[in-house]
Protein backbone atom coordinates (compact mmCIF):
# COMPACT_ATOMS: atom_id res chain seq x y z
CA MET A 1 15.15 2.39 -17.01
CA PHE A 2 15.33 3.25 -13.34
CA HIS A 3 18.86 3.58 -11.92
CA ARG A 4 20.12 4.14 -8.38
CA GLY A 5 22.26 7.24 -8.67
CA PRO A 6 24.21 9.16 -5.98
CA ALA A 7 21.20 11.35 -5.19
CA PHE A 8 18.94 8.27 -4.69
CA THR A 9 21.49 6.65 -2.46
CA ALA A 10 22.01 9.76 -0.36
CA VAL A 11 18.30 10.38 0.22
CA THR A 12 17.62 6.71 1.00
CA ALA A 13 20.39 6.76 3.60
CA LEU A 14 19.01 9.88 5.20
CA LEU A 15 15.53 8.41 5.32
CA THR A 16 16.82 5.31 7.02
CA ALA A 17 18.58 7.39 9.57
CA VAL A 18 15.45 9.35 10.33
CA LEU A 19 13.06 6.43 10.61
CA CYS A 20 15.39 3.83 12.08
CA THR A 21 16.93 6.02 14.80
CA GLY A 22 20.33 6.27 13.19
CA ALA A 23 20.85 2.61 12.34
CA THR A 24 21.84 1.39 8.94
CA ALA A 25 19.35 -0.49 6.79
CA ALA A 26 18.40 -3.71 8.58
CA ALA A 27 18.73 -7.09 6.88
CA THR A 28 15.43 -8.52 5.60
CA THR A 29 14.25 -11.84 4.32
CA GLU A 30 11.82 -12.37 1.37
CA LEU A 31 9.76 -15.57 1.56
CA SER A 32 7.79 -16.98 -1.35
CA GLY A 33 4.48 -18.58 -0.68
CA THR A 34 0.80 -18.74 -1.49
CA ILE A 35 -2.44 -17.51 0.06
CA ALA A 36 -5.78 -19.33 -0.24
CA ILE A 37 -8.70 -16.99 -1.04
CA PRO A 38 -12.25 -18.34 -1.71
CA CYS A 39 -13.54 -17.47 -5.19
CA ALA A 40 -17.11 -18.26 -6.09
CA ALA A 41 -17.47 -22.06 -5.54
CA GLY A 42 -13.68 -22.69 -5.43
CA VAL A 43 -10.48 -21.40 -3.88
CA LEU A 44 -7.67 -19.43 -5.52
CA GLU A 45 -4.10 -20.21 -4.50
CA GLN A 46 -2.35 -16.88 -5.15
CA ASP A 47 1.35 -16.27 -5.14
CA THR A 48 2.39 -14.30 -2.16
CA ALA A 49 5.57 -12.64 -0.92
CA TRP A 50 6.32 -12.12 2.74
CA TYR A 51 9.05 -9.71 3.76
CA LEU A 52 10.47 -10.26 7.22
CA PRO A 53 12.47 -7.64 9.11
CA ASP A 54 15.58 -8.34 11.18
CA GLY A 55 14.00 -8.84 14.56
CA GLU A 56 10.45 -8.85 15.78
CA PRO A 57 8.18 -6.89 13.47
CA THR A 58 6.52 -3.71 14.80
CA GLY A 59 3.47 -3.92 12.49
CA LEU A 60 1.92 -5.71 9.60
CA ILE A 61 1.74 -4.01 6.23
CA TRP A 62 -0.59 -5.19 3.46
CA LEU A 63 1.07 -3.98 0.25
CA GLN A 64 -1.12 -4.35 -2.81
CA HIS A 65 0.10 -3.96 -6.36
CA GLY A 66 -1.93 -2.38 -9.22
CA PHE A 67 -3.92 -3.56 -12.22
CA ALA A 68 -2.21 -6.14 -14.46
CA ARG A 69 0.83 -6.12 -12.17
CA THR A 70 2.24 -8.56 -9.62
CA ASN A 71 3.84 -8.41 -6.20
CA ALA A 72 7.28 -8.34 -7.97
CA ASN A 73 6.46 -4.79 -9.10
CA VAL A 74 6.31 -3.50 -5.48
CA ALA A 75 9.29 -5.50 -4.21
CA ALA A 76 11.48 -2.43 -3.75
CA LEU A 77 8.78 -0.74 -1.62
CA ALA A 78 8.11 -3.90 0.32
CA THR A 79 11.86 -4.23 1.12
CA ALA A 80 11.89 -0.59 2.34
CA PHE A 81 9.03 -1.35 4.76
CA ALA A 82 10.74 -4.47 6.00
CA GLU A 83 13.99 -2.56 6.51
CA ALA A 84 11.93 -0.16 8.67
CA GLY A 85 10.93 -3.06 10.90
CA TYR A 86 7.58 -4.14 9.43
CA LEU A 87 6.33 -7.57 8.39
CA VAL A 88 4.98 -7.11 4.80
CA PHE A 89 2.30 -9.21 3.15
CA ALA A 90 2.36 -8.68 -0.60
CA PRO A 91 -0.05 -10.97 -2.52
CA SER A 92 -0.50 -11.14 -6.34
CA LEU A 93 -4.22 -10.76 -7.05
CA PRO A 94 -5.89 -11.56 -10.41
CA PHE A 95 -6.82 -8.92 -12.89
CA MET A 96 -8.77 -11.37 -15.08
CA ASN A 97 -11.15 -13.95 -13.70
CA PHE A 98 -14.40 -15.25 -15.12
CA SER A 99 -15.94 -15.47 -11.66
CA GLY A 100 -15.28 -11.86 -10.87
CA CYS A 101 -12.41 -12.62 -8.49
CA THR A 102 -10.36 -9.58 -9.51
CA LEU A 103 -8.34 -6.78 -7.98
CA GLN A 104 -10.12 -4.12 -10.03
CA ASN A 105 -13.84 -4.01 -10.45
CA LEU A 106 -14.44 -5.37 -14.05
CA GLY A 107 -18.02 -6.43 -13.24
CA ASP A 108 -18.64 -6.92 -9.62
CA ASN A 109 -15.62 -7.94 -7.47
CA THR A 110 -17.19 -7.02 -4.15
CA ALA A 111 -17.75 -10.70 -3.16
CA PHE A 112 -14.11 -11.42 -3.82
CA LEU A 113 -12.98 -8.36 -1.86
CA ARG A 114 -15.18 -9.59 1.02
CA ASN A 115 -13.16 -12.77 0.99
CA VAL A 116 -9.90 -10.82 1.03
CA THR A 117 -11.28 -8.89 3.99
CA ALA A 118 -11.81 -12.16 5.81
CA LEU A 119 -8.09 -12.83 5.66
CA PHE A 120 -7.53 -9.82 7.86
CA GLY A 121 -10.61 -10.57 9.96
CA GLY A 122 -8.87 -13.73 11.05
CA ALA A 123 -5.47 -12.12 11.47
CA GLY A 124 -5.60 -12.75 15.22
CA ASP A 125 -6.07 -16.47 14.70
CA ALA A 126 -2.89 -18.42 14.82
CA THR A 127 -4.43 -21.02 12.57
CA GLY A 128 -6.09 -18.54 10.19
CA PRO A 129 -5.24 -18.17 6.48
CA LEU A 130 -2.68 -15.32 6.94
CA ALA A 131 -0.81 -17.10 9.67
CA ALA A 132 -0.95 -20.39 7.70
CA SER A 133 0.45 -18.72 4.58
CA LEU A 134 3.33 -17.16 6.57
CA ALA A 135 4.03 -20.40 8.43
CA ASP A 136 4.17 -22.39 5.18
CA ALA A 137 6.47 -19.85 3.44
CA ALA A 138 8.78 -19.91 6.47
CA ARG A 139 8.77 -23.69 6.54
CA ARG A 140 9.78 -23.89 2.90
CA ALA A 141 12.66 -21.53 3.67
CA GLN A 142 13.58 -23.50 6.75
CA ARG A 143 13.35 -20.64 9.13
CA PRO A 144 10.97 -19.71 12.00
CA ALA A 145 7.93 -17.53 11.26
CA PRO A 146 7.31 -14.52 13.50
CA ALA A 147 3.87 -13.97 15.07
CA LEU A 148 1.63 -11.72 13.09
CA PRO A 149 1.64 -8.24 14.64
CA THR A 150 -1.61 -6.76 15.78
CA ASP A 151 -1.22 -3.31 14.31
CA LEU A 152 -2.02 -2.95 10.60
CA VAL A 153 -1.51 -0.48 7.80
CA PHE A 154 -2.80 -0.97 4.24
CA VAL A 155 -0.83 0.40 1.28
CA GLY A 156 -2.21 0.11 -2.19
CA HIS A 157 -0.95 1.26 -5.64
CA SER A 158 -3.26 2.02 -8.58
CA ALA A 159 -6.19 -0.36 -8.48
CA GLY A 160 -4.71 -1.78 -5.33
CA ALA A 161 -5.51 1.59 -3.64
CA GLU A 162 -9.19 1.17 -4.46
CA ALA A 163 -9.00 -2.38 -3.10
CA VAL A 164 -7.35 -1.46 0.19
CA LEU A 165 -9.99 1.23 0.68
CA PHE A 166 -12.89 -1.09 0.07
CA VAL A 167 -11.39 -3.73 2.26
CA ALA A 168 -10.76 -1.28 5.10
CA ASP A 169 -14.43 -0.28 5.02
CA LEU A 170 -15.56 -3.90 5.00
CA LEU A 171 -13.36 -4.47 8.06
CA ARG A 172 -15.15 -1.64 9.84
CA ALA A 173 -18.50 -3.22 9.08
CA LEU A 174 -17.69 -6.92 9.38
CA HIS A 175 -14.69 -7.36 11.67
CA PRO A 176 -14.70 -4.62 14.33
CA GLU A 177 -12.00 -6.37 16.32
CA THR A 178 -9.53 -6.05 13.48
CA TRP A 179 -10.79 -2.58 12.44
CA THR A 180 -9.65 -1.19 15.77
CA ALA A 181 -6.11 -2.44 14.95
CA LEU A 182 -6.03 -0.76 11.51
CA ARG A 183 -3.94 2.37 11.97
CA GLY A 184 -4.24 3.98 8.48
CA LEU A 185 -4.15 3.76 4.78
CA VAL A 186 -1.55 4.99 2.19
CA LEU A 187 -2.90 5.29 -1.35
CA LEU A 188 -0.31 5.36 -4.20
CA ASP A 189 -1.73 7.06 -7.30
CA PRO A 190 -5.16 5.55 -6.70
CA VAL A 191 -7.13 4.43 -9.76
CA ARG A 192 -10.94 4.24 -9.81
CA SER A 193 -12.49 1.31 -11.62
CA PHE A 194 -14.41 2.14 -14.75
CA ILE A 195 -17.29 0.06 -13.35
CA GLY A 196 -19.03 0.43 -10.01
CA ASP A 197 -18.53 2.88 -7.16
CA ASN A 198 -16.24 0.91 -4.80
CA ILE A 199 -13.92 3.80 -4.22
CA ASP A 200 -16.63 6.38 -3.59
CA ARG A 201 -18.62 4.16 -1.27
CA ALA A 202 -15.44 3.33 0.78
CA LEU A 203 -14.29 6.92 1.00
CA ILE A 204 -17.63 8.31 2.04
CA SER A 205 -17.89 5.71 4.80
CA LEU A 206 -14.23 6.11 5.98
CA ASP A 207 -14.57 9.86 5.95
CA ALA A 208 -16.98 9.54 8.94
CA THR A 209 -14.24 7.80 10.98
CA GLN A 210 -10.96 8.90 12.43
CA LEU A 211 -8.86 6.54 10.26
CA PRO A 212 -6.02 8.45 8.52
CA VAL A 213 -6.16 8.14 4.72
CA LEU A 214 -3.38 9.85 2.71
CA SER A 215 -2.41 9.68 -0.95
CA ILE A 216 0.66 10.19 -3.09
CA SER A 217 -0.38 10.80 -6.68
CA ALA A 218 1.00 11.43 -10.12
CA PRO A 219 -0.49 14.08 -12.46
CA PRO A 220 -3.51 12.90 -14.49
CA SER A 221 -2.68 10.44 -17.23
CA ALA A 222 -4.17 7.52 -19.14
CA CYS A 223 -2.62 5.12 -16.64
CA ASN A 224 -4.39 6.59 -13.59
CA SER A 225 -7.66 7.05 -15.44
CA LEU A 226 -7.01 10.82 -15.82
CA GLY A 227 -6.67 11.25 -12.02
CA LEU A 228 -10.20 10.18 -11.23
CA GLY A 229 -9.06 8.15 -8.18
CA THR A 230 -7.30 11.18 -6.69
CA LEU A 231 -10.35 13.30 -7.54
CA ALA A 232 -12.47 10.85 -5.57
CA VAL A 233 -10.14 11.15 -2.60
CA ARG A 234 -10.29 14.98 -2.75
CA SER A 235 -14.02 15.13 -3.21
CA ARG A 236 -15.09 12.43 -0.75
CA LEU A 237 -12.70 13.18 2.15
CA HIS A 238 -13.61 16.34 4.02
CA ARG A 239 -10.17 16.86 5.57
CA PRO A 240 -7.68 19.75 5.26
CA PHE A 241 -4.88 17.46 3.98
CA VAL A 242 -5.39 14.33 1.94
CA GLY A 243 -1.97 13.92 0.26
CA VAL A 244 0.33 15.24 -2.44
CA GLU A 245 0.75 15.15 -6.15
CA LEU A 246 4.34 14.71 -7.34
CA GLN A 247 5.59 17.16 -9.93
CA ALA A 248 6.24 15.48 -13.29
CA GLY A 249 5.36 12.18 -11.65
CA ALA A 250 4.72 8.86 -13.45
CA HIS A 251 2.23 6.21 -12.46
CA THR A 252 5.13 3.82 -11.98
CA ASP A 253 6.86 5.98 -9.43
CA ALA A 254 5.54 3.83 -6.60
CA GLU A 255 7.16 0.80 -8.20
CA GLY A 256 10.59 2.47 -8.55
CA GLU A 257 13.26 0.12 -9.61
CA SER A 258 10.77 -2.81 -9.35
CA SER A 259 8.96 -1.58 -12.40
CA ASP A 260 9.55 -3.38 -15.67
CA LEU A 261 9.58 -2.80 -19.44
CA LEU A 262 5.82 -3.15 -19.75
CA GLY A 263 5.16 -0.67 -17.00
CA GLU A 264 7.63 1.83 -18.39
CA LEU A 265 6.35 1.49 -21.97
CA MET A 266 2.64 1.90 -20.90
CA CYS A 267 2.94 4.30 -17.93
CA GLY A 268 6.34 6.05 -17.98
CA THR A 269 9.69 5.54 -16.42
CA PRO A 270 9.92 6.18 -12.69
CA SER A 271 12.43 8.73 -11.59
CA ALA A 272 14.84 8.28 -8.68
CA VAL A 273 13.69 11.52 -7.12
CA ASN A 274 9.98 10.66 -7.21
CA ALA A 275 10.51 6.99 -6.22
CA THR A 276 12.42 8.24 -3.17
CA ALA A 277 9.73 10.77 -2.38
CA VAL A 278 7.06 7.97 -2.48
CA ARG A 279 9.01 5.83 -0.13
CA THR A 280 9.91 8.72 2.19
CA LEU A 281 6.34 9.83 2.60
CA ALA A 282 4.79 6.32 2.72
CA LEU A 283 7.27 5.20 5.39
CA ALA A 284 6.93 8.45 7.41
CA TRP A 285 3.16 8.42 7.38
CA THR A 286 3.10 4.70 8.27
CA HIS A 287 5.51 5.38 11.16
CA ASP A 288 3.21 8.10 12.41
CA TYR A 289 0.14 5.88 12.05
CA MET A 290 1.76 3.14 14.02
CA THR A 291 3.10 5.33 16.79
CA GLY A 292 0.38 7.91 17.05
CA THR A 293 2.80 10.71 16.35
CA ASN A 294 2.76 13.62 13.86
CA THR A 295 6.19 14.35 12.35
CA SER A 296 5.92 17.97 11.11
CA ASP A 297 8.16 17.57 8.01
CA TYR A 298 5.63 15.24 6.35
CA TYR A 299 2.56 17.42 6.69
CA PRO A 300 1.70 21.05 5.75
CA ALA A 301 2.13 23.56 8.57
CA THR A 302 -0.98 25.39 7.42
CA ALA A 303 -3.65 24.65 4.83
CA GLY A 304 -2.12 24.46 1.40
CA ALA A 305 1.48 25.08 2.64
CA PRO A 306 4.23 22.93 1.13
CA ILE A 307 5.62 19.84 2.88
CA ALA A 308 9.30 20.15 4.01
CA ALA A 309 10.08 16.58 2.99
CA ALA A 310 8.60 17.12 -0.54
CA PRO A 311 8.76 20.85 -1.14
CA THR A 312 8.00 20.66 -4.88
CA ALA A 313 4.95 18.41 -4.50
CA ARG A 314 1.50 19.93 -4.81
CA VAL A 315 -0.42 19.59 -1.51
CA LEU A 316 -3.89 18.09 -1.97
CA THR A 317 -6.80 19.17 0.22
CA GLY A 318 -10.20 17.63 0.67
CA SER A 319 -13.49 19.16 -0.19
């Protein structure tokens, strides 16, 4: 099982100091709620967790779990984002549905992902589904709901990485007003669906834009479909730096202490070192996306050079 040891605590404290200008970790609030997403002729009411920072949020993070997982499995990462000042939207999306309304493409989930895209297309509407979900969750907890921030970053793990890629591309095509507010994507050990070409289509399209897309991957294994998602990122993005591969990493590293027995039995036990590396890089890249900065420790100085913040990680380049 995953345990917080002294090394984990020390590194997390250092990260907080770097990203939060010397402050200790801020208090956060987790709100439980639902989100209404159209599915075929009906509507799904999906469980959703909202993570509120202490104070006004500086951006909105969509954090999407992986195949056959739930938002509980990314709770530790969601809390880290909220402690860094972001409002986090973490829905649980289906992995089995006879109408094709699934996170991963098990037939044709593109219509469902179009409906997920519409959630963000209406993010600026105070009466839209995202705002309504947050307001309802806050009302249940008897506390005020913050306004939804304008700036967005999408973060997806496993099949969730393919989903955030596809939704980002749909935003570009269908909701240009929200597309301009999308600051970047962070892909956590992306997994390509066995059916369809969602990930390839999205990457090819996004490659022609200036949107930052970076990944943190584990070595190829059965749980990440032998690294085919990372291979798609490397082959479809024509950029000198597309992410890193963690040495001796497990597919569950992004889940950290939020993983569970099933995840560990199927996909390996996350290590404190790698879980911390995932959070360090994901938070640092998100900070740079949101602020338009480029913090040198989190990128290679030259093509193929190691990253100071993760010196043992293998740097990944595009084609």
